[in-house]
Amino acid sequence: MDHQRFEGERTLMRIHIGESDKWEGKSLHQAIVELFRREGFCGVTVLRGVGGYGSTSRYHTDKILRLSQDLPIVIEVVEYPERIESILPKLDAMVGGGLITLEKVRVILYRSRK
C-alpha cells in the first residue's frame, strides 16, 4: 500500500455568495480564500454556479448574451469544528449578503507515503 488512510469527524462549511460581491476592493471569494490560507486551513474549494437565485428571487445565469453576471459562488472547506467556529466572527464581518451552512461530515482522507 503506497498511501495512508485517515478517517474522522469534521465540519463542512459552505459559504454561498455572489460573484460580484466585494471585500476591501477585491472579490469576496478571493478574500475569503486568502483568510483561510492565513489561518492555516488545509484546503478550500471555490465553485462557480451556472445559475441560481437567492433572497431576491432574481435568477442569475451564465447565458452568453448576458453582459453583466452575478453568478452564484460556493466556497467549501472541511475542518475541525472548533476551527470553523473560531473563524465565523471574521466571516461575519466580511459576508454582507449570503448564506453559510455547517454540516457534520465523516471524512476519509488518503495521503501518499512519498
PDB file of N, CA and C in Angstrom:
ATOM      1  N   MET A   1       0.861  -1.186   0.000  1.00  0.00           N
ATOM      2  CA  MET A   1       0.000   0.000   0.000  1.00  0.00           C
ATOM      3  C   MET A   1       0.900   1.238   0.000  1.00  0.00           C
ATOM      4  N   ASP A   2       0.732   2.125  -0.972  1.00  0.00           N
ATOM      5  CA  ASP A   2       1.575   3.307  -1.083  1.00  0.00           C
ATOM      6  C   ASP A   2       0.896   4.572  -0.580  1.00  0.00           C
ATOM      7  N   HIS A   3      -0.155   4.400   0.228  1.00  0.00           N
ATOM      8  CA  HIS A   3      -0.827   5.565   0.805  1.00  0.00           C
ATOM      9  C   HIS A   3      -1.324   5.236   2.214  1.00  0.00           C
ATOM     10  N   GLN A   4      -1.589   6.290   2.973  1.00  0.00           N
ATOM     11  CA  GLN A   4      -2.168   6.151   4.305  1.00  0.00           C
ATOM     12  C   GLN A   4      -3.606   6.617   4.253  1.00  0.00           C
ATOM     13  N   ARG A   5      -4.433   6.011   5.105  1.00  0.00           N
ATOM     14  CA  ARG A   5      -5.853   6.353   5.153  1.00  0.00           C
ATOM     15  C   ARG A   5      -6.158   6.894   6.544  1.00  0.00           C
ATOM     16  N   PHE A   6      -6.777   8.064   6.590  1.00  0.00           N
ATOM     17  CA  PHE A   6      -7.203   8.687   7.839  1.00  0.00           C
ATOM     18  C   PHE A   6      -8.714   8.856   7.790  1.00  0.00           C
ATOM     19  N   GLU A   7      -9.351   8.694   8.930  1.00  0.00           N
ATOM     20  CA  GLU A   7     -10.803   8.812   8.988  1.00  0.00           C
ATOM     21  C   GLU A   7     -11.183   9.561  10.259  1.00  0.00           C
ATOM     22  N   GLY A   8     -12.232  10.398  10.171  1.00  0.00           N
ATOM     23  CA  GLY A   8     -12.688  11.119  11.347  1.00  0.00           C
ATOM     24  C   GLY A   8     -13.870  12.018  11.057  1.00  0.00           C
ATOM     25  N   GLU A   9     -14.349  12.661  12.106  1.00  0.00           N
ATOM     26  CA  GLU A   9     -15.479  13.586  12.009  1.00  0.00           C
ATOM     27  C   GLU A   9     -14.952  15.007  11.854  1.00  0.00           C
ATOM     28  N   ARG A  10     -15.550  15.767  10.953  1.00  0.00           N
ATOM     29  CA  ARG A  10     -15.187  17.161  10.722  1.00  0.00           C
ATOM     30  C   ARG A  10     -16.462  17.953  10.448  1.00  0.00           C
ATOM     31  N   THR A  11     -16.292  19.253  10.212  1.00  0.00           N
ATOM     32  CA  THR A  11     -17.404  20.111   9.818  1.00  0.00           C
ATOM     33  C   THR A  11     -17.166  20.599   8.398  1.00  0.00           C
ATOM     34  N   LEU A  12     -18.205  20.507   7.576  1.00  0.00           N
ATOM     35  CA  LEU A  12     -18.184  21.061   6.222  1.00  0.00           C
ATOM     36  C   LEU A  12     -18.886  22.406   6.266  1.00  0.00           C
ATOM     37  N   MET A  13     -18.162  23.455   5.906  1.00  0.00           N
ATOM     38  CA  MET A  13     -18.737  24.797   5.812  1.00  0.00           C
ATOM     39  C   MET A  13     -18.906  25.133   4.341  1.00  0.00           C
ATOM     40  N   ARG A  14     -20.107  25.598   3.997  1.00  0.00           N
ATOM     41  CA  ARG A  14     -20.372  26.102   2.646  1.00  0.00           C
ATOM     42  C   ARG A  14     -20.789  27.560   2.772  1.00  0.00           C
ATOM     43  N   ILE A  15     -20.127  28.408   2.004  1.00  0.00           N
ATOM     44  CA  ILE A  15     -20.421  29.835   2.002  1.00  0.00           C
ATOM     45  C   ILE A  15     -20.990  30.173   0.629  1.00  0.00           C
ATOM     46  N   HIS A  16     -22.236  30.616   0.600  1.00  0.00           N
ATOM     47  CA  HIS A  16     -22.926  30.958  -0.651  1.00  0.00           C
ATOM     48  C   HIS A  16     -22.935  32.481  -0.799  1.00  0.00           C
ATOM     49  N   ILE A  17     -22.282  32.976  -1.843  1.00  0.00           N
ATOM     50  CA  ILE A  17     -22.211  34.416  -2.093  1.00  0.00           C
ATOM     51  C   ILE A  17     -22.402  34.656  -3.590  1.00  0.00           C
ATOM     52  N   GLY A  18     -22.376  35.917  -3.992  1.00  0.00           N
ATOM     53  CA  GLY A  18     -22.466  36.274  -5.403  1.00  0.00           C
ATOM     54  C   GLY A  18     -21.093  36.577  -5.971  1.00  0.00           C
ATOM     55  N   GLU A  19     -20.943  36.312  -7.247  1.00  0.00           N
ATOM     56  CA  GLU A  19     -19.668  36.538  -7.923  1.00  0.00           C
ATOM     57  C   GLU A  19     -19.236  38.004  -7.878  1.00  0.00           C
ATOM     58  N   SER A  20     -20.174  38.929  -7.840  1.00  0.00           N
ATOM     59  CA  SER A  20     -19.831  40.352  -7.848  1.00  0.00           C
ATOM     60  C   SER A  20     -19.600  40.922  -6.445  1.00  0.00           C
ATOM     61  N   ASP A  21     -19.772  40.118  -5.395  1.00  0.00           N
ATOM     62  CA  ASP A  21     -19.560  40.603  -4.026  1.00  0.00           C
ATOM     63  C   ASP A  21     -18.094  40.974  -3.820  1.00  0.00           C
ATOM     64  N   LYS A  22     -17.879  42.071  -3.109  1.00  0.00           N
ATOM     65  CA  LYS A  22     -16.525  42.597  -2.889  1.00  0.00           C
ATOM     66  C   LYS A  22     -16.216  42.714  -1.400  1.00  0.00           C
ATOM     67  N   TRP A  23     -14.912  42.725  -1.099  1.00  0.00           N
ATOM     68  CA  TRP A  23     -14.417  42.975   0.248  1.00  0.00           C
ATOM     69  C   TRP A  23     -13.100  43.726   0.107  1.00  0.00           C
ATOM     70  N   GLU A  24     -13.063  44.954   0.607  1.00  0.00           N
ATOM     71  CA  GLU A  24     -11.858  45.785   0.577  1.00  0.00           C
ATOM     72  C   GLU A  24     -11.227  45.842  -0.820  1.00  0.00           C
ATOM     73  N   GLY A  25     -12.074  46.044  -1.839  1.00  0.00           N
ATOM     74  CA  GLY A  25     -11.586  46.260  -3.194  1.00  0.00           C
ATOM     75  C   GLY A  25     -11.290  45.017  -4.011  1.00  0.00           C
ATOM     76  N   LYS A  26     -11.435  43.844  -3.443  1.00  0.00           N
ATOM     77  CA  LYS A  26     -11.202  42.622  -4.219  1.00  0.00           C
ATOM     78  C   LYS A  26     -12.421  41.730  -4.142  1.00  0.00           C
ATOM     79  N   SER A  27     -12.462  40.714  -4.982  1.00  0.00           N
ATOM     80  CA  SER A  27     -13.619  39.820  -4.955  1.00  0.00           C
ATOM     81  C   SER A  27     -13.699  39.140  -3.589  1.00  0.00           C
ATOM     82  N   LEU A  28     -14.923  39.025  -3.092  1.00  0.00           N
ATOM     83  CA  LEU A  28     -15.134  38.447  -1.765  1.00  0.00           C
ATOM     84  C   LEU A  28     -14.640  37.010  -1.702  1.00  0.00           C
ATOM     85  N   HIS A  29     -14.887  36.225  -2.753  1.00  0.00           N
ATOM     86  CA  HIS A  29     -14.441  34.828  -2.679  1.00  0.00           C
ATOM     87  C   HIS A  29     -12.917  34.731  -2.603  1.00  0.00           C
ATOM     88  N   GLN A  30     -12.216  35.623  -3.287  1.00  0.00           N
ATOM     89  CA  GLN A  30     -10.756  35.640  -3.212  1.00  0.00           C
ATOM     90  C   GLN A  30     -10.301  36.040  -1.807  1.00  0.00           C
ATOM     91  N   ALA A  31     -10.949  37.037  -1.221  1.00  0.00           N
ATOM     92  CA  ALA A  31     -10.598  37.479   0.130  1.00  0.00           C
ATOM     93  C   ALA A  31     -10.838  36.368   1.154  1.00  0.00           C
ATOM     94  N   ILE A  32     -11.915  35.603   0.985  1.00  0.00           N
ATOM     95  CA  ILE A  32     -12.208  34.506   1.913  1.00  0.00           C
ATOM     96  C   ILE A  32     -11.172  33.392   1.776  1.00  0.00           C
ATOM     97  N   VAL A  33     -10.788  33.062   0.549  1.00  0.00           N
ATOM     98  CA  VAL A  33      -9.746  32.049   0.337  1.00  0.00           C
ATOM     99  C   VAL A  33      -8.444  32.493   0.999  1.00  0.00           C
ATOM    100  N   GLU A  34      -8.089  33.760   0.847  1.00  0.00           N
ATOM    101  CA  GLU A  34      -6.872  34.282   1.476  1.00  0.00           C
ATOM    102  C   GLU A  34      -6.962  34.209   2.995  1.00  0.00           C
ATOM    103  N   LEU A  35      -8.143  34.480   3.555  1.00  0.00           N
ATOM    104  CA  LEU A  35      -8.343  34.363   5.003  1.00  0.00           C
ATOM    105  C   LEU A  35      -8.093  32.932   5.458  1.00  0.00           C
ATOM    106  N   PHE A  36      -8.687  31.954   4.778  1.00  0.00           N
ATOM    107  CA  PHE A  36      -8.478  30.551   5.148  1.00  0.00           C
ATOM    108  C   PHE A  36      -6.999  30.173   5.059  1.00  0.00           C
ATOM    109  N   ARG A  37      -6.308  30.655   4.041  1.00  0.00           N
ATOM    110  CA  ARG A  37      -4.876  30.358   3.892  1.00  0.00           C
ATOM    111  C   ARG A  37      -4.075  30.953   5.053  1.00  0.00           C
ATOM    112  N   ARG A  38      -4.349  32.220   5.376  1.00  0.00           N
ATOM    113  CA  ARG A  38      -3.649  32.865   6.502  1.00  0.00           C
ATOM    114  C   ARG A  38      -3.892  32.137   7.817  1.00  0.00           C
ATOM    115  N   GLU A  39      -5.106  31.622   7.995  1.00  0.00           N
ATOM    116  CA  GLU A  39      -5.473  30.936   9.236  1.00  0.00           C
ATOM    117  C   GLU A  39      -4.982  29.490   9.276  1.00  0.00           C
ATOM    118  N   GLY A  40      -4.345  29.027   8.198  1.00  0.00           N
ATOM    119  CA  GLY A  40      -3.755  27.695   8.183  1.00  0.00           C
ATOM    120  C   GLY A  40      -4.711  26.550   7.905  1.00  0.00           C
ATOM    121  N   PHE A  41      -5.849  26.844   7.261  1.00  0.00           N
ATOM    122  CA  PHE A  41      -6.782  25.775   6.895  1.00  0.00           C
ATOM    123  C   PHE A  41      -6.138  24.908   5.809  1.00  0.00           C
ATOM    124  N   CYS A  42      -6.414  23.616   5.852  1.00  0.00           N
ATOM    125  CA  CYS A  42      -5.753  22.655   4.947  1.00  0.00           C
ATOM    126  C   CYS A  42      -6.106  22.843   3.484  1.00  0.00           C
ATOM    127  N   GLY A  43      -7.324  23.256   3.189  1.00  0.00           N
ATOM    128  CA  GLY A  43      -7.728  23.407   1.798  1.00  0.00           C
ATOM    129  C   GLY A  43      -9.086  24.059   1.690  1.00  0.00           C
ATOM    130  N   VAL A  44      -9.362  24.586   0.523  1.00  0.00           N
ATOM    131  CA  VAL A  44     -10.633  25.248   0.247  1.00  0.00           C
ATOM    132  C   VAL A  44     -10.942  25.049  -1.238  1.00  0.00           C
ATOM    133  N   THR A  45     -12.220  24.939  -1.555  1.00  0.00           N
ATOM    134  CA  THR A  45     -12.653  24.814  -2.943  1.00  0.00           C
ATOM    135  C   THR A  45     -13.669  25.906  -3.240  1.00  0.00           C
ATOM    136  N   VAL A  46     -13.495  26.588  -4.375  1.00  0.00           N
ATOM    137  CA  VAL A  46     -14.442  27.609  -4.819  1.00  0.00           C
ATOM    138  C   VAL A  46     -15.159  27.063  -6.051  1.00  0.00           C
ATOM    139  N   LEU A  47     -16.490  27.026  -5.984  1.00  0.00           N
ATOM    140  CA  LEU A  47     -17.314  26.527  -7.081  1.00  0.00           C
ATOM    141  C   LEU A  47     -18.117  27.681  -7.663  1.00  0.00           C
ATOM    142  N   ARG A  48     -18.108  27.799  -8.987  1.00  0.00           N
ATOM    143  CA  ARG A  48     -18.875  28.843  -9.670  1.00  0.00           C
ATOM    144  C   ARG A  48     -20.098  28.195 -10.297  1.00  0.00           C
ATOM    145  N   GLY A  49     -21.261  28.660  -9.909  1.00  0.00           N
ATOM    146  CA  GLY A  49     -22.501  28.095 -10.424  1.00  0.00           C
ATOM    147  C   GLY A  49     -22.815  28.585 -11.821  1.00  0.00           C
ATOM    148  N   VAL A  50     -23.597  27.815 -12.544  1.00  0.00           N
ATOM    149  CA  VAL A  50     -24.036  28.226 -13.880  1.00  0.00           C
ATOM    150  C   VAL A  50     -25.356  28.972 -13.814  1.00  0.00           C
ATOM    151  N   GLY A  51     -25.968  28.982 -12.649  1.00  0.00           N
ATOM    152  CA  GLY A  51     -27.219  29.700 -12.467  1.00  0.00           C
ATOM    153  C   GLY A  51     -27.741  29.505 -11.061  1.00  0.00           C
ATOM    154  N   GLY A  52     -28.660  30.371 -10.676  1.00  0.00           N
ATOM    155  CA  GLY A  52     -29.284  30.255  -9.366  1.00  0.00           C
ATOM    156  C   GLY A  52     -29.911  31.566  -8.952  1.00  0.00           C
ATOM    157  N   TYR A  53     -30.632  31.527  -7.837  1.00  0.00           N
ATOM    158  CA  TYR A  53     -31.189  32.752  -7.277  1.00  0.00           C
ATOM    159  C   TYR A  53     -31.149  32.670  -5.765  1.00  0.00           C
ATOM    160  N   GLY A  54     -31.201  33.839  -5.138  1.00  0.00           N
ATOM    161  CA  GLY A  54     -31.156  33.933  -3.688  1.00  0.00           C
ATOM    162  C   GLY A  54     -32.391  34.617  -3.158  1.00  0.00           C
ATOM    163  N   SER A  55     -32.204  35.426  -2.123  1.00  0.00           N
ATOM    164  CA  SER A  55     -33.336  36.036  -1.420  1.00  0.00           C
ATOM    165  C   SER A  55     -34.154  36.988  -2.290  1.00  0.00           C
ATOM    166  N   THR A  56     -33.544  37.543  -3.345  1.00  0.00           N
ATOM    167  CA  THR A  56     -34.289  38.466  -4.218  1.00  0.00           C
ATOM    168  C   THR A  56     -35.143  37.732  -5.245  1.00  0.00           C
ATOM    169  N   SER A  57     -34.944  36.440  -5.387  1.00  0.00           N
ATOM    170  CA  SER A  57     -35.626  35.599  -6.384  1.00  0.00           C
ATOM    171  C   SER A  57     -35.315  36.008  -7.822  1.00  0.00           C
ATOM    172  N   ARG A  58     -34.295  36.844  -8.024  1.00  0.00           N
ATOM    173  CA  ARG A  58     -33.865  37.212  -9.375  1.00  0.00           C
ATOM    174  C   ARG A  58     -32.889  36.143  -9.861  1.00  0.00           C
ATOM    175  N   TYR A  59     -33.229  35.477 -10.954  1.00  0.00           N
ATOM    176  CA  TYR A  59     -32.417  34.377 -11.459  1.00  0.00           C
ATOM    177  C   TYR A  59     -31.181  34.905 -12.173  1.00  0.00           C
ATOM    178  N   HIS A  60     -30.030  34.374 -11.808  1.00  0.00           N
ATOM    179  CA  HIS A  60     -28.761  34.725 -12.449  1.00  0.00           C
ATOM    180  C   HIS A  60     -28.311  33.517 -13.254  1.00  0.00           C
ATOM    181  N   THR A  61     -27.859  33.765 -14.481  1.00  0.00           N
ATOM    182  CA  THR A  61     -27.476  32.665 -15.362  1.00  0.00           C
ATOM    183  C   THR A  61     -26.196  33.009 -16.107  1.00  0.00           C
ATOM    184  N   ASP A  62     -25.572  31.999 -16.691  1.00  0.00           N
ATOM    185  CA  ASP A  62     -24.332  32.213 -17.441  1.00  0.00           C
ATOM    186  C   ASP A  62     -24.573  32.293 -18.947  1.00  0.00           C
ATOM    187  N   LYS A  63     -25.763  32.689 -19.354  1.00  0.00           N
ATOM    188  CA  LYS A  63     -26.087  32.809 -20.783  1.00  0.00           C
ATOM    189  C   LYS A  63     -25.083  33.723 -21.481  1.00  0.00           C
ATOM    190  N   ILE A  64     -24.677  33.362 -22.685  1.00  0.00           N
ATOM    191  CA  ILE A  64     -23.641  34.083 -23.435  1.00  0.00           C
ATOM    192  C   ILE A  64     -24.014  35.542 -23.694  1.00  0.00           C
ATOM    193  N   LEU A  65     -25.264  35.827 -23.966  1.00  0.00           N
ATOM    194  CA  LEU A  65     -25.657  37.183 -24.333  1.00  0.00           C
ATOM    195  C   LEU A  65     -25.715  38.143 -23.151  1.00  0.00           C
ATOM    196  N   ARG A  66     -25.640  37.621 -21.953  1.00  0.00           N
ATOM    197  CA  ARG A  66     -25.681  38.484 -20.778  1.00  0.00           C
ATOM    198  C   ARG A  66     -24.345  39.168 -20.580  1.00  0.00           C
ATOM    199  N   LEU A  67     -24.356  40.475 -20.461  1.00  0.00           N
ATOM    200  CA  LEU A  67     -23.102  41.201 -20.267  1.00  0.00           C
ATOM    201  C   LEU A  67     -22.726  41.285 -18.797  1.00  0.00           C
ATOM    202  N   SER A  68     -23.697  41.481 -17.948  1.00  0.00           N
ATOM    203  CA  SER A  68     -23.390  41.617 -16.531  1.00  0.00           C
ATOM    204  C   SER A  68     -23.870  40.374 -15.807  1.00  0.00           C
ATOM    205  N   GLN A  69     -22.960  39.724 -15.128  1.00  0.00           N
ATOM    206  CA  GLN A  69     -23.285  38.485 -14.435  1.00  0.00           C
ATOM    207  C   GLN A  69     -23.002  38.625 -12.951  1.00  0.00           C
ATOM    208  N   ASP A  70     -23.815  37.991 -12.157  1.00  0.00           N
ATOM    209  CA  ASP A  70     -23.555  37.859 -10.725  1.00  0.00           C
ATOM    210  C   ASP A  70     -23.887  36.417 -10.373  1.00  0.00           C
ATOM    211  N   LEU A  71     -23.086  35.516 -10.909  1.00  0.00           N
ATOM    212  CA  LEU A  71     -23.351  34.093 -10.730  1.00  0.00           C
ATOM    213  C   LEU A  71     -23.088  33.667  -9.290  1.00  0.00           C
ATOM    214  N   PRO A  72     -23.741  32.580  -8.873  1.00  0.00           N
ATOM    215  CA  PRO A  72     -23.520  32.093  -7.518  1.00  0.00           C
ATOM    216  C   PRO A  72     -22.120  31.505  -7.362  1.00  0.00           C
ATOM    217  N   ILE A  73     -21.539  31.757  -6.215  1.00  0.00           N
ATOM    218  CA  ILE A  73     -20.246  31.195  -5.823  1.00  0.00           C
ATOM    219  C   ILE A  73     -20.475  30.428  -4.526  1.00  0.00           C
ATOM    220  N   VAL A  74     -19.929  29.214  -4.455  1.00  0.00           N
ATOM    221  CA  VAL A  74     -19.973  28.429  -3.222  1.00  0.00           C
ATOM    222  C   VAL A  74     -18.538  28.106  -2.841  1.00  0.00           C
ATOM    223  N   ILE A  75     -18.179  28.449  -1.616  1.00  0.00           N
ATOM    224  CA  ILE A  75     -16.850  28.157  -1.084  1.00  0.00           C
ATOM    225  C   ILE A  75     -17.019  27.032  -0.076  1.00  0.00           C
ATOM    226  N   GLU A  76     -16.256  25.964  -0.249  1.00  0.00           N
ATOM    227  CA  GLU A  76     -16.348  24.819   0.657  1.00  0.00           C
ATOM    228  C   GLU A  76     -15.030  24.613   1.382  1.00  0.00           C
ATOM    229  N   VAL A  77     -15.128  24.327   2.667  1.00  0.00           N
ATOM    230  CA  VAL A  77     -13.957  23.994   3.468  1.00  0.00           C
ATOM    231  C   VAL A  77     -14.372  22.931   4.482  1.00  0.00           C
ATOM    232  N   VAL A  78     -13.506  21.950   4.682  1.00  0.00           N
ATOM    233  CA  VAL A  78     -13.735  20.889   5.664  1.00  0.00           C
ATOM    234  C   VAL A  78     -12.637  21.012   6.712  1.00  0.00           C
ATOM    235  N   GLU A  79     -13.036  21.107   7.976  1.00  0.00           N
ATOM    236  CA  GLU A  79     -12.065  21.369   9.036  1.00  0.00           C
ATOM    237  C   GLU A  79     -12.623  20.878  10.364  1.00  0.00           C
ATOM    238  N   TYR A  80     -11.778  20.909  11.394  1.00  0.00           N
ATOM    239  CA  TYR A  80     -12.230  20.576  12.750  1.00  0.00           C
ATOM    240  C   TYR A  80     -13.293  21.583  13.179  1.00  0.00           C
ATOM    241  N   PRO A  81     -14.330  21.131  13.899  1.00  0.00           N
ATOM    242  CA  PRO A  81     -15.426  22.030  14.298  1.00  0.00           C
ATOM    243  C   PRO A  81     -14.956  23.282  15.039  1.00  0.00           C
ATOM    244  N   GLU A  82     -13.997  23.147  15.930  1.00  0.00           N
ATOM    245  CA  GLU A  82     -13.532  24.310  16.699  1.00  0.00           C
ATOM    246  C   GLU A  82     -12.825  25.335  15.816  1.00  0.00           C
ATOM    247  N   ARG A  83     -12.154  24.893  14.767  1.00  0.00           N
ATOM    248  CA  ARG A  83     -11.508  25.832  13.841  1.00  0.00           C
ATOM    249  C   ARG A  83     -12.553  26.582  13.028  1.00  0.00           C
ATOM    250  N   ILE A  84     -13.618  25.867  12.616  1.00  0.00           N
ATOM    251  CA  ILE A  84     -14.714  26.512  11.889  1.00  0.00           C
ATOM    252  C   ILE A  84     -15.367  27.562  12.779  1.00  0.00           C
ATOM    253  N   GLU A  85     -15.666  27.195  14.009  1.00  0.00           N
ATOM    254  CA  GLU A  85     -16.307  28.133  14.945  1.00  0.00           C
ATOM    255  C   GLU A  85     -15.439  29.362  15.181  1.00  0.00           C
ATOM    256  N   SER A  86     -14.128  29.170  15.250  1.00  0.00           N
ATOM    257  CA  SER A  86     -13.232  30.296  15.549  1.00  0.00           C
ATOM    258  C   SER A  86     -13.133  31.300  14.403  1.00  0.00           C
ATOM    259  N   ILE A  87     -13.410  30.865  13.173  1.00  0.00           N
ATOM    260  CA  ILE A  87     -13.295  31.784  12.032  1.00  0.00           C
ATOM    261  C   ILE A  87     -14.620  32.472  11.707  1.00  0.00           C
ATOM    262  N   LEU A  88     -15.724  31.997  12.266  1.00  0.00           N
ATOM    263  CA  LEU A  88     -17.038  32.583  11.965  1.00  0.00           C
ATOM    264  C   LEU A  88     -17.119  34.086  12.237  1.00  0.00           C
ATOM    265  N   PRO A  89     -16.573  34.610  13.351  1.00  0.00           N
ATOM    266  CA  PRO A  89     -16.647  36.068  13.557  1.00  0.00           C
ATOM    267  C   PRO A  89     -15.970  36.871  12.441  1.00  0.00           C
ATOM    268  N   LYS A  90     -14.872  36.374  11.907  1.00  0.00           N
ATOM    269  CA  LYS A  90     -14.198  37.070  10.807  1.00  0.00           C
ATOM    270  C   LYS A  90     -15.054  37.032   9.546  1.00  0.00           C
ATOM    271  N   LEU A  91     -15.695  35.889   9.289  1.00  0.00           N
ATOM    272  CA  LEU A  91     -16.580  35.779   8.125  1.00  0.00           C
ATOM    273  C   LEU A  91     -17.807  36.663   8.293  1.00  0.00           C
ATOM    274  N   ASP A  92     -18.321  36.776   9.526  1.00  0.00           N
ATOM    275  CA  ASP A  92     -19.468  37.654   9.799  1.00  0.00           C
ATOM    276  C   ASP A  92     -19.183  39.079   9.342  1.00  0.00           C
ATOM    277  N   ALA A  93     -17.947  39.526   9.546  1.00  0.00           N
ATOM    278  CA  ALA A  93     -17.570  40.882   9.160  1.00  0.00           C
ATOM    279  C   ALA A  93     -17.441  41.039   7.646  1.00  0.00           C
ATOM    280  N   MET A  94     -17.168  39.946   6.939  1.00  0.00           N
ATOM    281  CA  MET A  94     -16.899  40.014   5.502  1.00  0.00           C
ATOM    282  C   MET A  94     -18.133  39.783   4.634  1.00  0.00           C
ATOM    283  N   VAL A  95     -19.001  38.880   5.051  1.00  0.00           N
ATOM    284  CA  VAL A  95     -20.145  38.468   4.231  1.00  0.00           C
ATOM    285  C   VAL A  95     -21.326  39.382   4.514  1.00  0.00           C
ATOM    286  N   GLY A  96     -21.566  40.335   3.613  1.00  0.00           N
ATOM    287  CA  GLY A  96     -22.661  41.281   3.799  1.00  0.00           C
ATOM    288  C   GLY A  96     -24.005  40.716   3.387  1.00  0.00           C
ATOM    289  N   GLY A  97     -24.000  39.811   2.444  1.00  0.00           N
ATOM    290  CA  GLY A  97     -25.216  39.150   1.981  1.00  0.00           C
ATOM    291  C   GLY A  97     -24.840  37.773   1.481  1.00  0.00           C
ATOM    292  N   GLY A  98     -25.476  36.776   2.011  1.00  0.00           N
ATOM    293  CA  GLY A  98     -25.146  35.415   1.602  1.00  0.00           C
ATOM    294  C   GLY A  98     -25.679  34.421   2.606  1.00  0.00           C
ATOM    295  N   LEU A  99     -25.159  33.227   2.551  1.00  0.00           N
ATOM    296  CA  LEU A  99     -25.619  32.140   3.403  1.00  0.00           C
ATOM    297  C   LEU A  99     -24.429  31.266   3.744  1.00  0.00           C
ATOM    298  N   ILE A 100     -24.315  30.892   5.012  1.00  0.00           N
ATOM    299  CA  ILE A 100     -23.295  29.941   5.446  1.00  0.00           C
ATOM    300  C   ILE A 100     -24.016  28.740   6.035  1.00  0.00           C
ATOM    301  N   THR A 101     -23.654  27.544   5.562  1.00  0.00           N
ATOM    302  CA  THR A 101     -24.211  26.323   6.136  1.00  0.00           C
ATOM    303  C   THR A 101     -23.084  25.511   6.752  1.00  0.00           C
ATOM    304  N   LEU A 102     -23.416  24.793   7.812  1.00  0.00           N
ATOM    305  CA  LEU A 102     -22.457  23.940   8.511  1.00  0.00           C
ATOM    306  C   LEU A 102     -23.058  22.547   8.635  1.00  0.00           C
ATOM    307  N   GLU A 103     -22.269  21.544   8.292  1.00  0.00           N
ATOM    308  CA  GLU A 103     -22.723  20.159   8.383  1.00  0.00           C
ATOM    309  C   GLU A 103     -21.639  19.308   9.026  1.00  0.00           C
ATOM    310  N   LYS A 104     -22.052  18.370   9.863  1.00  0.00           N
ATOM    311  CA  LYS A 104     -21.132  17.378  10.397  1.00  0.00           C
ATOM    312  C   LYS A 104     -20.918  16.335   9.305  1.00  0.00           C
ATOM    313  N   VAL A 105     -19.643  16.026   9.005  1.00  0.00           N
ATOM    314  CA  VAL A 105     -19.338  15.067   7.949  1.00  0.00           C
ATOM    315  C   VAL A 105     -18.324  14.038   8.430  1.00  0.00           C
ATOM    316  N   ARG A 106     -18.388  12.874   7.830  1.00  0.00           N
ATOM    317  CA  ARG A 106     -17.377  11.835   8.049  1.00  0.00           C
ATOM    318  C   ARG A 106     -16.369  11.963   6.916  1.00  0.00           C
ATOM    319  N   VAL A 107     -15.106  12.095   7.266  1.00  0.00           N
ATOM    320  CA  VAL A 107     -14.047  12.323   6.291  1.00  0.00           C
ATOM    321  C   VAL A 107     -13.181  11.075   6.178  1.00  0.00           C
ATOM    322  N   ILE A 108     -12.883  10.698   4.954  1.00  0.00           N
ATOM    323  CA  ILE A 108     -11.888   9.662   4.682  1.00  0.00           C
ATOM    324  C   ILE A 108     -10.835  10.321   3.799  1.00  0.00           C
ATOM    325  N   LEU A 109      -9.626  10.437   4.322  1.00  0.00           N
ATOM    326  CA  LEU A 109      -8.545  11.144   3.640  1.00  0.00           C
ATOM    327  C   LEU A 109      -7.446  10.163   3.283  1.00  0.00           C
ATOM    328  N   TYR A 110      -6.979  10.229   2.063  1.00  0.00           N
ATOM    329  CA  TYR A 110      -5.882   9.382   1.606  1.00  0.00           C
ATOM    330  C   TYR A 110      -4.669  10.266   1.346  1.00  0.00           C
ATOM    331  N   ARG A 111      -3.529   9.852   1.895  1.00  0.00           N
ATOM    332  CA  ARG A 111      -2.283  10.595   1.688  1.00  0.00           C
ATOM    333  C   ARG A 111      -1.212   9.652   1.175  1.00  0.00           C
ATOM    334  N   SER A 112      -0.460  10.130   0.209  1.00  0.00           N
ATOM    335  CA  SER A 112       0.649   9.359  -0.330  1.00  0.00           C
ATOM    336  C   SER A 112       1.749   9.254   0.715  1.00  0.00           C
ATOM    337  N   ARG A 113       2.454   8.149   0.747  1.00  0.00           N
ATOM    338  CA  ARG A 113       3.557   7.963   1.705  1.00  0.00           C
ATOM    339  C   ARG A 113       4.875   8.499   1.162  1.00  0.00           C
ATOM    340  N   LYS A 114       4.862   9.127   0.013  1.00  0.00           N
ATOM    341  CA  LYS A 114       6.101   9.641  -0.603  1.00  0.00           C
ATOM    342  C   LYS A 114       6.765  10.658   0.270  1.00  0.00           C
TER     343      LYS A 114
END
